[in-house]
Amino acid sequence: MPTKIVFAPKMPDPIMETARSMIPEGFEMVETEHDHPDFLKHVAGAEYYIGFPRAGMGEAFFKAGSGLKLVQLISAGYDRIDVPAAKKAGVPIANNGGSNSVAVAEHTMMLILAVYKKMAWHHVNVTHGKWRVGDFATTRTYELAGKKLGIVGLGTIGKKVARRAVGFDMDIQYYDIVRLTEDPEDALGVTFTLFPELLQTSDVVSLHVPLNDTTRKMMGAREFAMMQKDAIFINTCRGPVVDEEALRHALLSKQISAAGLDVMVEEPPLINHPLFGLENVTFTPHSAGPTWENWTKAFRNAFDNVQRVERGDKPLWMIPEMR
């Protein structure tokens, strides 16, 4: 009898075809939805879960999935899973192994460029018949070369951002609770700073941290007040790491110059969200990770991890709380 994998939620068929083509021999995969009446019944007969974290994956989920050997996520984030319930059930959780790291790193650089070049503002003006609004003194755009980039969280994505920023001749510093030794820092071209020092001295502050009790609202009024007045703020990790009202105040009071956001506290945000009225914020809809190339990498990592566990090895990419 084949070993059962539950996959949820179902993605568009072209994406699912990629996943189906990679199912290892000896396994079968049941595709379902978290809100399907039979979801927990499917989980009850499965040894592996592959998919995205969703609200409701708590005690009832792990009780139903008493035979689960691994929860393998396609995403990097795992804040919507009840980690204590998983620990209690003894089910390891692994994320996507950095399969979206190239995508998010590229998106981060795009947002930095878009903010400095005022891309969204210019686009709206041009499509509304306004050509070269203002003059070059009042409507200023900037180069990345020579700017100091402060990376908060030098994990897989943060490192890839650093490598790309080197190509733009940026000066790179970082803060992370796990500090690199001197040789890896030199190889990557980064310098360690303390968090307040990074905020005070960076032209660009870019967040690349997981969402947990330590990082929730790590950027608040005090932190934005530390930043330089001409600095910009970039967030491509998770919305709740930022106090959005504090960010709005910092932008309105010109404590900082501008922001580029791929994530927000509530997603999707309300149509009248207070940040939407500001011209110095560039938004994307939590779209940094899911490039077309990313699906193949994510499914490859997922099925590789499933096979590792099935043959008795420890899974790769365990979330920090379970290492």
C-alpha atoms as a PDB file:
ATOM      1  CA  MET A   1       0.000   0.000   0.000  1.00  0.00           C
ATOM      2  CA  PRO A   2       1.456   3.417  -0.953  1.00  0.00           C
ATOM      3  CA  THR A   3       2.417   5.895   1.744  1.00  0.00           C
ATOM      4  CA  LYS A   4      -0.113   8.713   1.931  1.00  0.00           C
ATOM      5  CA  ILE A   5       0.694  12.415   1.627  1.00  0.00           C
ATOM      6  CA  VAL A   6      -1.971  15.080   2.188  1.00  0.00           C
ATOM      7  CA  PHE A   7      -1.483  18.275   0.206  1.00  0.00           C
ATOM      8  CA  ALA A   8      -3.401  21.431   1.098  1.00  0.00           C
ATOM      9  CA  PRO A   9      -4.561  23.810  -0.108  1.00  0.00           C
ATOM     10  CA  LYS A  10      -4.865  22.874  -3.771  1.00  0.00           C
ATOM     11  CA  MET A  11      -3.050  25.289  -6.066  1.00  0.00           C
ATOM     12  CA  PRO A  12      -3.960  26.085  -9.696  1.00  0.00           C
ATOM     13  CA  ASP A  13      -3.711  23.009 -11.862  1.00  0.00           C
ATOM     14  CA  PRO A  14      -0.497  23.961 -13.736  1.00  0.00           C
ATOM     15  CA  ILE A  15       1.235  24.249 -10.350  1.00  0.00           C
ATOM     16  CA  MET A  16      -0.270  21.002  -9.076  1.00  0.00           C
ATOM     17  CA  GLU A  17       0.893  19.244 -12.251  1.00  0.00           C
ATOM     18  CA  THR A  18       4.448  20.177 -11.302  1.00  0.00           C
ATOM     19  CA  ALA A  19       3.910  18.645  -7.859  1.00  0.00           C
ATOM     20  CA  ARG A  20       2.238  15.522  -9.224  1.00  0.00           C
ATOM     21  CA  SER A  21       5.116  14.917 -11.635  1.00  0.00           C
ATOM     22  CA  MET A  22       7.543  14.784  -8.693  1.00  0.00           C
ATOM     23  CA  ILE A  23       5.682  12.381  -6.363  1.00  0.00           C
ATOM     24  CA  PRO A  24       8.205   9.670  -5.426  1.00  0.00           C
ATOM     25  CA  GLU A  25       7.537   6.025  -6.198  1.00  0.00           C
ATOM     26  CA  GLY A  26       5.626   4.311  -3.416  1.00  0.00           C
ATOM     27  CA  PHE A  27       3.718   7.438  -2.366  1.00  0.00           C
ATOM     28  CA  GLU A  28       0.254   8.735  -3.159  1.00  0.00           C
ATOM     29  CA  MET A  29      -0.883  12.325  -2.703  1.00  0.00           C
ATOM     30  CA  VAL A  30      -4.398  13.440  -1.767  1.00  0.00           C
ATOM     31  CA  GLU A  31      -5.160  17.058  -2.634  1.00  0.00           C
ATOM     32  CA  THR A  32      -7.678  18.827  -0.422  1.00  0.00           C
ATOM     33  CA  GLU A  33      -8.663  22.138   1.184  1.00  0.00           C
ATOM     34  CA  HIS A  34      -8.384  23.169   4.820  1.00  0.00           C
ATOM     35  CA  ASP A  35     -12.074  24.070   4.934  1.00  0.00           C
ATOM     36  CA  HIS A  36     -13.226  20.847   3.240  1.00  0.00           C
ATOM     37  CA  PRO A  37     -15.572  18.790   5.483  1.00  0.00           C
ATOM     38  CA  ASP A  38     -13.319  15.750   5.072  1.00  0.00           C
ATOM     39  CA  PHE A  39     -10.019  17.563   5.635  1.00  0.00           C
ATOM     40  CA  LEU A  40      -9.317  15.991   9.029  1.00  0.00           C
ATOM     41  CA  LYS A  41     -10.407  12.591   7.698  1.00  0.00           C
ATOM     42  CA  HIS A  42      -7.776  12.890   4.979  1.00  0.00           C
ATOM     43  CA  VAL A  43      -5.194  13.910   7.580  1.00  0.00           C
ATOM     44  CA  ALA A  44      -6.160  10.946   9.767  1.00  0.00           C
ATOM     45  CA  GLY A  45      -4.876   8.452   7.221  1.00  0.00           C
ATOM     46  CA  ALA A  46      -1.751  10.338   6.220  1.00  0.00           C
ATOM     47  CA  GLU A  47       1.871  10.048   7.248  1.00  0.00           C
ATOM     48  CA  TYR A  48       2.956  13.338   5.666  1.00  0.00           C
ATOM     49  CA  TYR A  49       1.470  16.788   5.184  1.00  0.00           C
ATOM     50  CA  ILE A  50       2.787  19.007   2.398  1.00  0.00           C
ATOM     51  CA  GLY A  51       1.390  22.479   1.843  1.00  0.00           C
ATOM     52  CA  PHE A  52       0.911  25.848   3.411  1.00  0.00           C
ATOM     53  CA  PRO A  53       0.312  26.700   7.061  1.00  0.00           C
ATOM     54  CA  ARG A  54      -3.223  27.800   7.786  1.00  0.00           C
ATOM     55  CA  ALA A  55      -5.258  28.840  10.797  1.00  0.00           C
ATOM     56  CA  GLY A  56      -6.796  25.787  12.415  1.00  0.00           C
ATOM     57  CA  MET A  57      -3.689  23.635  12.200  1.00  0.00           C
ATOM     58  CA  GLY A  58      -3.668  23.153  15.962  1.00  0.00           C
ATOM     59  CA  GLU A  59      -4.564  20.438  18.446  1.00  0.00           C
ATOM     60  CA  ALA A  60      -7.468  19.042  16.390  1.00  0.00           C
ATOM     61  CA  PHE A  61      -5.232  18.797  13.332  1.00  0.00           C
ATOM     62  CA  PHE A  62      -2.466  16.953  15.180  1.00  0.00           C
ATOM     63  CA  LYS A  63      -4.940  14.762  17.049  1.00  0.00           C
ATOM     64  CA  ALA A  64      -6.477  13.674  13.754  1.00  0.00           C
ATOM     65  CA  GLY A  65      -3.017  13.239  12.241  1.00  0.00           C
ATOM     66  CA  SER A  66      -1.717  10.898  14.926  1.00  0.00           C
ATOM     67  CA  GLY A  67       0.243   9.043  12.251  1.00  0.00           C
ATOM     68  CA  LEU A  68       1.974  12.113  10.843  1.00  0.00           C
ATOM     69  CA  LYS A  69       5.747  11.852  10.595  1.00  0.00           C
ATOM     70  CA  LEU A  70       6.358  15.324   9.154  1.00  0.00           C
ATOM     71  CA  VAL A  71       4.598  18.584   8.368  1.00  0.00           C
ATOM     72  CA  GLN A  72       6.475  19.876   5.342  1.00  0.00           C
ATOM     73  CA  LEU A  73       5.705  23.458   4.397  1.00  0.00           C
ATOM     74  CA  ILE A  74       5.978  24.987   0.956  1.00  0.00           C
ATOM     75  CA  SER A  75       6.376  28.413   2.560  1.00  0.00           C
ATOM     76  CA  ALA A  76       9.228  29.851   4.604  1.00  0.00           C
ATOM     77  CA  GLY A  77       6.857  31.268   7.234  1.00  0.00           C
ATOM     78  CA  TYR A  78       5.140  29.050   9.782  1.00  0.00           C
ATOM     79  CA  ASP A  79       3.418  31.526  12.108  1.00  0.00           C
ATOM     80  CA  ARG A  80      -0.053  30.162  11.277  1.00  0.00           C
ATOM     81  CA  ILE A  81       0.738  26.703  12.694  1.00  0.00           C
ATOM     82  CA  ASP A  82       0.293  25.892  16.370  1.00  0.00           C
ATOM     83  CA  VAL A  83       3.917  25.000  17.116  1.00  0.00           C
ATOM     84  CA  PRO A  84       3.287  23.988  20.768  1.00  0.00           C
ATOM     85  CA  ALA A  85       0.588  21.573  19.572  1.00  0.00           C
ATOM     86  CA  ALA A  86       3.034  20.098  17.062  1.00  0.00           C
ATOM     87  CA  LYS A  87       5.656  19.700  19.782  1.00  0.00           C
ATOM     88  CA  LYS A  88       3.135  18.028  22.062  1.00  0.00           C
ATOM     89  CA  ALA A  89       2.208  15.622  19.268  1.00  0.00           C
ATOM     90  CA  GLY A  90       5.858  14.981  18.448  1.00  0.00           C
ATOM     91  CA  VAL A  91       5.456  15.953  14.795  1.00  0.00           C
ATOM     92  CA  PRO A  92       8.397  17.851  13.290  1.00  0.00           C
ATOM     93  CA  ILE A  93       7.749  20.915  11.128  1.00  0.00           C
ATOM     94  CA  ALA A  94      10.068  21.867   8.271  1.00  0.00           C
ATOM     95  CA  ASN A  95       9.848  24.910   6.037  1.00  0.00           C
ATOM     96  CA  ASN A  96      10.699  25.192   2.352  1.00  0.00           C
ATOM     97  CA  GLY A  97      14.481  25.105   2.715  1.00  0.00           C
ATOM     98  CA  GLY A  98      15.004  28.526   1.213  1.00  0.00           C
ATOM     99  CA  SER A  99      13.397  27.615  -2.105  1.00  0.00           C
ATOM    100  CA  ASN A 100      11.938  31.138  -2.306  1.00  0.00           C
ATOM    101  CA  SER A 101      15.119  32.895  -1.199  1.00  0.00           C
ATOM    102  CA  VAL A 102      16.198  34.004  -4.678  1.00  0.00           C
ATOM    103  CA  ALA A 103      12.708  35.325  -5.398  1.00  0.00           C
ATOM    104  CA  VAL A 104      12.469  37.312  -2.151  1.00  0.00           C
ATOM    105  CA  ALA A 105      16.010  38.640  -2.476  1.00  0.00           C
ATOM    106  CA  GLU A 106      15.304  39.869  -6.010  1.00  0.00           C
ATOM    107  CA  HIS A 107      12.003  41.383  -4.866  1.00  0.00           C
ATOM    108  CA  THR A 108      13.798  43.179  -2.039  1.00  0.00           C
ATOM    109  CA  MET A 109      16.229  44.767  -4.487  1.00  0.00           C
ATOM    110  CA  MET A 110      13.303  45.682  -6.748  1.00  0.00           C
ATOM    111  CA  LEU A 111      11.546  47.479  -3.891  1.00  0.00           C
ATOM    112  CA  ILE A 112      14.713  49.345  -2.932  1.00  0.00           C
ATOM    113  CA  LEU A 113      15.115  50.488  -6.542  1.00  0.00           C
ATOM    114  CA  ALA A 114      11.401  51.274  -6.897  1.00  0.00           C
ATOM    115  CA  VAL A 115      11.431  53.465  -3.793  1.00  0.00           C
ATOM    116  CA  TYR A 116      14.636  55.298  -4.657  1.00  0.00           C
ATOM    117  CA  LYS A 117      13.555  55.835  -8.284  1.00  0.00           C
ATOM    118  CA  LYS A 118       9.910  56.665  -7.326  1.00  0.00           C
ATOM    119  CA  MET A 119       8.750  54.115  -9.879  1.00  0.00           C
ATOM    120  CA  ALA A 120       5.117  53.741  -8.754  1.00  0.00           C
ATOM    121  CA  TRP A 121       4.661  57.517  -8.416  1.00  0.00           C
ATOM    122  CA  HIS A 122       6.084  58.157 -11.887  1.00  0.00           C
ATOM    123  CA  HIS A 123       3.948  55.361 -13.368  1.00  0.00           C
ATOM    124  CA  VAL A 124       0.727  56.853 -12.002  1.00  0.00           C
ATOM    125  CA  ASN A 125       1.664  60.318 -13.228  1.00  0.00           C
ATOM    126  CA  VAL A 126       2.575  59.167 -16.728  1.00  0.00           C
ATOM    127  CA  THR A 127      -0.620  57.115 -17.145  1.00  0.00           C
ATOM    128  CA  HIS A 128      -2.643  60.148 -15.997  1.00  0.00           C
ATOM    129  CA  GLY A 129      -1.106  62.444 -18.603  1.00  0.00           C
ATOM    130  CA  LYS A 130       1.448  64.065 -16.296  1.00  0.00           C
ATOM    131  CA  TRP A 131       4.960  64.094 -17.711  1.00  0.00           C
ATOM    132  CA  ARG A 132       7.907  64.928 -15.440  1.00  0.00           C
ATOM    133  CA  VAL A 133       5.905  66.328 -12.543  1.00  0.00           C
ATOM    134  CA  GLY A 134       7.857  68.912 -10.537  1.00  0.00           C
ATOM    135  CA  ASP A 135      11.538  69.644 -11.004  1.00  0.00           C
ATOM    136  CA  PHE A 136      14.619  67.559 -10.358  1.00  0.00           C
ATOM    137  CA  ALA A 137      15.324  69.331  -7.071  1.00  0.00           C
ATOM    138  CA  THR A 138      11.934  68.723  -5.460  1.00  0.00           C
ATOM    139  CA  THR A 139      11.324  65.325  -7.120  1.00  0.00           C
ATOM    140  CA  ARG A 140      14.556  63.607  -6.226  1.00  0.00           C
ATOM    141  CA  THR A 141      15.610  60.107  -7.200  1.00  0.00           C
ATOM    142  CA  TYR A 142      18.720  58.384  -5.928  1.00  0.00           C
ATOM    143  CA  GLU A 143      21.408  55.841  -6.798  1.00  0.00           C
ATOM    144  CA  LEU A 144      22.110  52.715  -4.765  1.00  0.00           C
ATOM    145  CA  ALA A 145      25.878  52.979  -5.183  1.00  0.00           C
ATOM    146  CA  GLY A 146      27.500  54.109  -1.959  1.00  0.00           C
ATOM    147  CA  LYS A 147      24.336  53.704   0.118  1.00  0.00           C
ATOM    148  CA  LYS A 148      24.568  51.734   3.365  1.00  0.00           C
ATOM    149  CA  LEU A 149      22.184  48.778   3.464  1.00  0.00           C
ATOM    150  CA  GLY A 150      21.220  47.471   6.905  1.00  0.00           C
ATOM    151  CA  ILE A 151      19.967  43.874   6.767  1.00  0.00           C
ATOM    152  CA  VAL A 152      18.033  42.745   9.842  1.00  0.00           C
ATOM    153  CA  GLY A 153      18.154  38.950   9.842  1.00  0.00           C
ATOM    154  CA  LEU A 154      21.024  37.390   7.900  1.00  0.00           C
ATOM    155  CA  GLY A 155      19.468  34.018   7.133  1.00  0.00           C
ATOM    156  CA  THR A 156      19.213  32.399   3.721  1.00  0.00           C
ATOM    157  CA  ILE A 157      17.280  35.324   2.228  1.00  0.00           C
ATOM    158  CA  GLY A 158      19.312  37.999   3.986  1.00  0.00           C
ATOM    159  CA  LYS A 159      22.547  36.520   2.637  1.00  0.00           C
ATOM    160  CA  LYS A 160      21.189  36.497  -0.911  1.00  0.00           C
ATOM    161  CA  VAL A 161      20.109  40.134  -0.535  1.00  0.00           C
ATOM    162  CA  ALA A 162      23.644  40.965   0.579  1.00  0.00           C
ATOM    163  CA  ARG A 163      25.174  39.251  -2.458  1.00  0.00           C
ATOM    164  CA  ARG A 164      22.906  41.162  -4.816  1.00  0.00           C
ATOM    165  CA  ALA A 165      23.480  44.467  -3.059  1.00  0.00           C
ATOM    166  CA  VAL A 166      27.234  44.045  -3.585  1.00  0.00           C
ATOM    167  CA  GLY A 167      26.536  44.228  -7.317  1.00  0.00           C
ATOM    168  CA  PHE A 168      24.986  47.660  -6.797  1.00  0.00           C
ATOM    169  CA  ASP A 169      28.097  48.848  -4.909  1.00  0.00           C
ATOM    170  CA  MET A 170      26.222  49.192  -1.632  1.00  0.00           C
ATOM    171  CA  ASP A 171      27.961  49.124   1.747  1.00  0.00           C
ATOM    172  CA  ILE A 172      26.344  46.285   3.738  1.00  0.00           C
ATOM    173  CA  GLN A 173      25.929  45.834   7.461  1.00  0.00           C
ATOM    174  CA  TYR A 174      23.712  43.389   9.327  1.00  0.00           C
ATOM    175  CA  TYR A 175      22.210  42.498  12.658  1.00  0.00           C
ATOM    176  CA  ASP A 176      21.237  38.944  13.600  1.00  0.00           C
ATOM    177  CA  ILE A 177      21.020  37.052  16.884  1.00  0.00           C
ATOM    178  CA  VAL A 178      23.333  34.512  15.217  1.00  0.00           C
ATOM    179  CA  ARG A 179      26.531  36.321  14.317  1.00  0.00           C
ATOM    180  CA  LEU A 180      28.840  35.092  11.568  1.00  0.00           C
ATOM    181  CA  THR A 181      32.513  34.574  12.236  1.00  0.00           C
ATOM    182  CA  GLU A 182      35.037  36.835  10.545  1.00  0.00           C
ATOM    183  CA  ASP A 183      35.811  34.709   7.483  1.00  0.00           C
ATOM    184  CA  PRO A 184      32.159  34.249   6.366  1.00  0.00           C
ATOM    185  CA  GLU A 185      31.558  37.978   6.969  1.00  0.00           C
ATOM    186  CA  ASP A 186      34.544  38.849   4.783  1.00  0.00           C
ATOM    187  CA  ALA A 187      33.444  36.407   2.073  1.00  0.00           C
ATOM    188  CA  LEU A 188      29.956  37.894   2.026  1.00  0.00           C
ATOM    189  CA  GLY A 189      31.168  41.478   2.305  1.00  0.00           C
ATOM    190  CA  VAL A 190      29.115  42.335   5.394  1.00  0.00           C
ATOM    191  CA  THR A 191      29.836  43.933   8.758  1.00  0.00           C
ATOM    192  CA  PHE A 192      28.054  43.097  12.004  1.00  0.00           C
ATOM    193  CA  THR A 193      26.396  45.935  13.937  1.00  0.00           C
ATOM    194  CA  LEU A 194      24.117  46.092  16.928  1.00  0.00           C
ATOM    195  CA  PHE A 195      20.457  46.698  16.101  1.00  0.00           C
ATOM    196  CA  PRO A 196      20.285  50.351  17.309  1.00  0.00           C
ATOM    197  CA  GLU A 197      23.553  51.124  15.494  1.00  0.00           C
ATOM    198  CA  LEU A 198      22.175  49.605  12.287  1.00  0.00           C
ATOM    199  CA  LEU A 199      19.030  51.737  12.502  1.00  0.00           C
ATOM    200  CA  GLN A 200      21.007  54.903  13.182  1.00  0.00           C
ATOM    201  CA  THR A 201      23.539  54.496  10.376  1.00  0.00           C
ATOM    202  CA  SER A 202      21.737  52.737   7.484  1.00  0.00           C
ATOM    203  CA  ASP A 203      20.368  54.455   4.393  1.00  0.00           C
ATOM    204  CA  VAL A 204      18.184  51.387   3.770  1.00  0.00           C
ATOM    205  CA  VAL A 205      16.796  49.130   6.525  1.00  0.00           C
ATOM    206  CA  SER A 206      15.497  45.804   5.193  1.00  0.00           C
ATOM    207  CA  LEU A 207      13.808  43.178   7.388  1.00  0.00           C
ATOM    208  CA  HIS A 208      14.358  39.421   6.882  1.00  0.00           C
ATOM    209  CA  VAL A 209      13.281  37.830  10.168  1.00  0.00           C
ATOM    210  CA  PRO A 210      10.692  35.162  11.051  1.00  0.00           C
ATOM    211  CA  LEU A 211       7.554  36.210  12.907  1.00  0.00           C
ATOM    212  CA  ASN A 212       7.637  35.107  16.539  1.00  0.00           C
ATOM    213  CA  ASP A 213       7.157  36.579  19.998  1.00  0.00           C
ATOM    214  CA  THR A 214      10.576  38.229  19.826  1.00  0.00           C
ATOM    215  CA  THR A 215      10.155  39.877  16.427  1.00  0.00           C
ATOM    216  CA  ARG A 216       6.493  40.932  16.648  1.00  0.00           C
ATOM    217  CA  LYS A 217       6.430  44.768  16.386  1.00  0.00           C
ATOM    218  CA  MET A 218      10.211  44.870  16.526  1.00  0.00           C
ATOM    219  CA  MET A 219       9.928  48.026  14.403  1.00  0.00           C
ATOM    220  CA  GLY A 220       7.944  50.521  16.475  1.00  0.00           C
ATOM    221  CA  ALA A 221       7.996  54.215  17.303  1.00  0.00           C
ATOM    222  CA  ARG A 222      11.320  54.023  19.146  1.00  0.00           C
ATOM    223  CA  GLU A 223      13.027  52.159  16.308  1.00  0.00           C
ATOM    224  CA  PHE A 224      11.737  54.420  13.523  1.00  0.00           C
ATOM    225  CA  ALA A 225      12.831  57.464  15.540  1.00  0.00           C
ATOM    226  CA  MET A 226      16.393  56.091  15.490  1.00  0.00           C
ATOM    227  CA  MET A 227      16.538  56.013  11.692  1.00  0.00           C
ATOM    228  CA  GLN A 228      17.996  58.774   9.544  1.00  0.00           C
ATOM    229  CA  LYS A 229      15.535  61.257   8.051  1.00  0.00           C
ATOM    230  CA  ASP A 230      16.528  60.367   4.479  1.00  0.00           C
ATOM    231  CA  ALA A 231      16.505  56.589   5.133  1.00  0.00           C
ATOM    232  CA  ILE A 232      14.046  54.162   3.553  1.00  0.00           C
ATOM    233  CA  PHE A 233      12.420  51.093   5.103  1.00  0.00           C
ATOM    234  CA  ILE A 234      11.796  47.775   3.311  1.00  0.00           C
ATOM    235  CA  ASN A 235       9.759  44.806   4.592  1.00  0.00           C
ATOM    236  CA  THR A 236       9.427  41.540   2.675  1.00  0.00           C
ATOM    237  CA  CYS A 237       9.166  39.123   5.634  1.00  0.00           C
ATOM    238  CA  ARG A 238       5.959  39.396   7.729  1.00  0.00           C
ATOM    239  CA  GLY A 239       3.630  42.330   8.350  1.00  0.00           C
ATOM    240  CA  PRO A 240       3.268  42.011  12.133  1.00  0.00           C
ATOM    241  CA  VAL A 241       6.985  42.604  12.709  1.00  0.00           C
ATOM    242  CA  VAL A 242       6.063  46.256  12.120  1.00  0.00           C
ATOM    243  CA  ASP A 243       3.849  48.584  14.136  1.00  0.00           C
ATOM    244  CA  GLU A 244       2.010  50.069  11.158  1.00  0.00           C
ATOM    245  CA  GLU A 245       0.746  53.119  13.045  1.00  0.00           C
ATOM    246  CA  ALA A 246       4.297  53.900  14.137  1.00  0.00           C
ATOM    247  CA  LEU A 247       5.443  53.515  10.523  1.00  0.00           C
ATOM    248  CA  ARG A 248       2.687  55.844   9.325  1.00  0.00           C
ATOM    249  CA  HIS A 249       3.699  58.448  11.907  1.00  0.00           C
ATOM    250  CA  ALA A 250       7.357  58.125  10.901  1.00  0.00           C
ATOM    251  CA  LEU A 251       6.475  58.685   7.241  1.00  0.00           C
ATOM    252  CA  LEU A 252       4.059  61.578   7.875  1.00  0.00           C
ATOM    253  CA  SER A 253       6.388  63.356  10.302  1.00  0.00           C
ATOM    254  CA  LYS A 254       9.352  62.764   7.949  1.00  0.00           C
ATOM    255  CA  GLN A 255      11.284  60.793  10.544  1.00  0.00           C
ATOM    256  CA  ILE A 256      12.096  58.560   7.563  1.00  0.00           C
ATOM    257  CA  SER A 257      11.886  59.235   3.852  1.00  0.00           C
ATOM    258  CA  ALA A 258       9.920  56.343   2.334  1.00  0.00           C
ATOM    259  CA  ALA A 259       8.995  52.668   2.549  1.00  0.00           C
ATOM    260  CA  GLY A 260       8.540  49.617   0.337  1.00  0.00           C
ATOM    261  CA  LEU A 261       6.198  46.940   1.696  1.00  0.00           C
ATOM    262  CA  ASP A 262       5.373  43.478   0.368  1.00  0.00           C
ATOM    263  CA  VAL A 263       3.601  42.422   3.569  1.00  0.00           C
ATOM    264  CA  MET A 264       1.077  43.968   5.957  1.00  0.00           C
ATOM    265  CA  VAL A 265      -0.403  43.187   9.370  1.00  0.00           C
ATOM    266  CA  GLU A 266      -3.792  42.227   7.894  1.00  0.00           C
ATOM    267  CA  GLU A 267      -3.843  40.594   4.487  1.00  0.00           C
ATOM    268  CA  PRO A 268      -5.589  41.600   2.397  1.00  0.00           C
ATOM    269  CA  PRO A 269      -5.693  45.065   3.990  1.00  0.00           C
ATOM    270  CA  LEU A 270      -8.816  47.200   4.136  1.00  0.00           C
ATOM    271  CA  ILE A 271      -9.326  49.408   1.089  1.00  0.00           C
ATOM    272  CA  ASN A 272      -9.057  52.533   3.259  1.00  0.00           C
ATOM    273  CA  HIS A 273      -5.892  51.451   5.069  1.00  0.00           C
ATOM    274  CA  PRO A 274      -4.163  54.526   6.589  1.00  0.00           C
ATOM    275  CA  LEU A 275      -0.905  53.857   4.727  1.00  0.00           C
ATOM    276  CA  PHE A 276      -2.609  53.891   1.327  1.00  0.00           C
ATOM    277  CA  GLY A 277      -2.947  57.667   1.288  1.00  0.00           C
ATOM    278  CA  LEU A 278       0.810  58.246   1.426  1.00  0.00           C
ATOM    279  CA  GLU A 279       2.755  58.912  -1.773  1.00  0.00           C
ATOM    280  CA  ASN A 280       6.041  57.774  -0.244  1.00  0.00           C
ATOM    281  CA  VAL A 281       5.047  54.117   0.198  1.00  0.00           C
ATOM    282  CA  THR A 282       5.333  51.479  -2.537  1.00  0.00           C
ATOM    283  CA  PHE A 283       3.257  48.300  -2.093  1.00  0.00           C
ATOM    284  CA  THR A 284       3.232  44.793  -3.526  1.00  0.00           C
ATOM    285  CA  PRO A 285       0.671  42.117  -2.460  1.00  0.00           C
ATOM    286  CA  HIS A 286       2.822  39.609  -0.530  1.00  0.00           C
ATOM    287  CA  SER A 287       4.055  38.441  -3.909  1.00  0.00           C
ATOM    288  CA  ALA A 288       7.819  38.270  -3.360  1.00  0.00           C
ATOM    289  CA  GLY A 289       8.068  34.499  -2.942  1.00  0.00           C
ATOM    290  CA  PRO A 290       5.896  32.659  -5.480  1.00  0.00           C
ATOM    291  CA  THR A 291       7.808  32.992  -8.742  1.00  0.00           C
ATOM    292  CA  TRP A 292       7.192  30.322 -11.367  1.00  0.00           C
ATOM    293  CA  GLU A 293      10.667  28.848 -10.831  1.00  0.00           C
ATOM    294  CA  ASN A 294      10.060  28.663  -7.095  1.00  0.00           C
ATOM    295  CA  TRP A 295       7.368  25.966  -7.293  1.00  0.00           C
ATOM    296  CA  THR A 296       9.750  23.364  -8.711  1.00  0.00           C
ATOM    297  CA  LYS A 297      12.368  24.148  -6.067  1.00  0.00           C
ATOM    298  CA  ALA A 298       9.800  24.055  -3.243  1.00  0.00           C
ATOM    299  CA  PHE A 299       8.272  20.725  -4.322  1.00  0.00           C
ATOM    300  CA  ARG A 300      11.725  19.217  -4.873  1.00  0.00           C
ATOM    301  CA  ASN A 301      12.730  20.139  -1.323  1.00  0.00           C
ATOM    302  CA  ALA A 302       9.425  18.886   0.076  1.00  0.00           C
ATOM    303  CA  PHE A 303       9.542  15.447  -1.529  1.00  0.00           C
ATOM    304  CA  ASP A 304      13.238  15.084  -0.734  1.00  0.00           C
ATOM    305  CA  ASN A 305      12.498  15.743   2.937  1.00  0.00           C
ATOM    306  CA  VAL A 306       9.593  13.281   2.945  1.00  0.00           C
ATOM    307  CA  GLN A 307      11.845  10.568   1.539  1.00  0.00           C
ATOM    308  CA  ARG A 308      14.548  11.371   4.104  1.00  0.00           C
ATOM    309  CA  VAL A 309      12.104  10.878   6.970  1.00  0.00           C
ATOM    310  CA  GLU A 310      10.627   7.756   5.394  1.00  0.00           C
ATOM    311  CA  ARG A 311      14.034   6.074   5.313  1.00  0.00           C
ATOM    312  CA  GLY A 312      14.681   7.010   8.950  1.00  0.00           C
ATOM    313  CA  ASP A 313      16.811  10.142   8.562  1.00  0.00           C
ATOM    314  CA  LYS A 314      16.180  13.455  10.278  1.00  0.00           C
ATOM    315  CA  PRO A 315      14.384  16.072   8.156  1.00  0.00           C
ATOM    316  CA  LEU A 316      16.227  19.095   6.856  1.00  0.00           C
ATOM    317  CA  TRP A 317      15.104  22.682   7.435  1.00  0.00           C
ATOM    318  CA  MET A 318      13.434  22.111  10.785  1.00  0.00           C
ATOM    319  CA  ILE A 319      11.963  25.309  12.195  1.00  0.00           C
ATOM    320  CA  PRO A 320      14.177  26.819  14.955  1.00  0.00           C
ATOM    321  CA  GLU A 321      11.721  25.994  17.752  1.00  0.00           C
ATOM    322  CA  MET A 322      12.136  22.275  17.013  1.00  0.00           C
ATOM    323  CA  ARG A 323      15.868  22.014  16.424  1.00  0.00           C
END
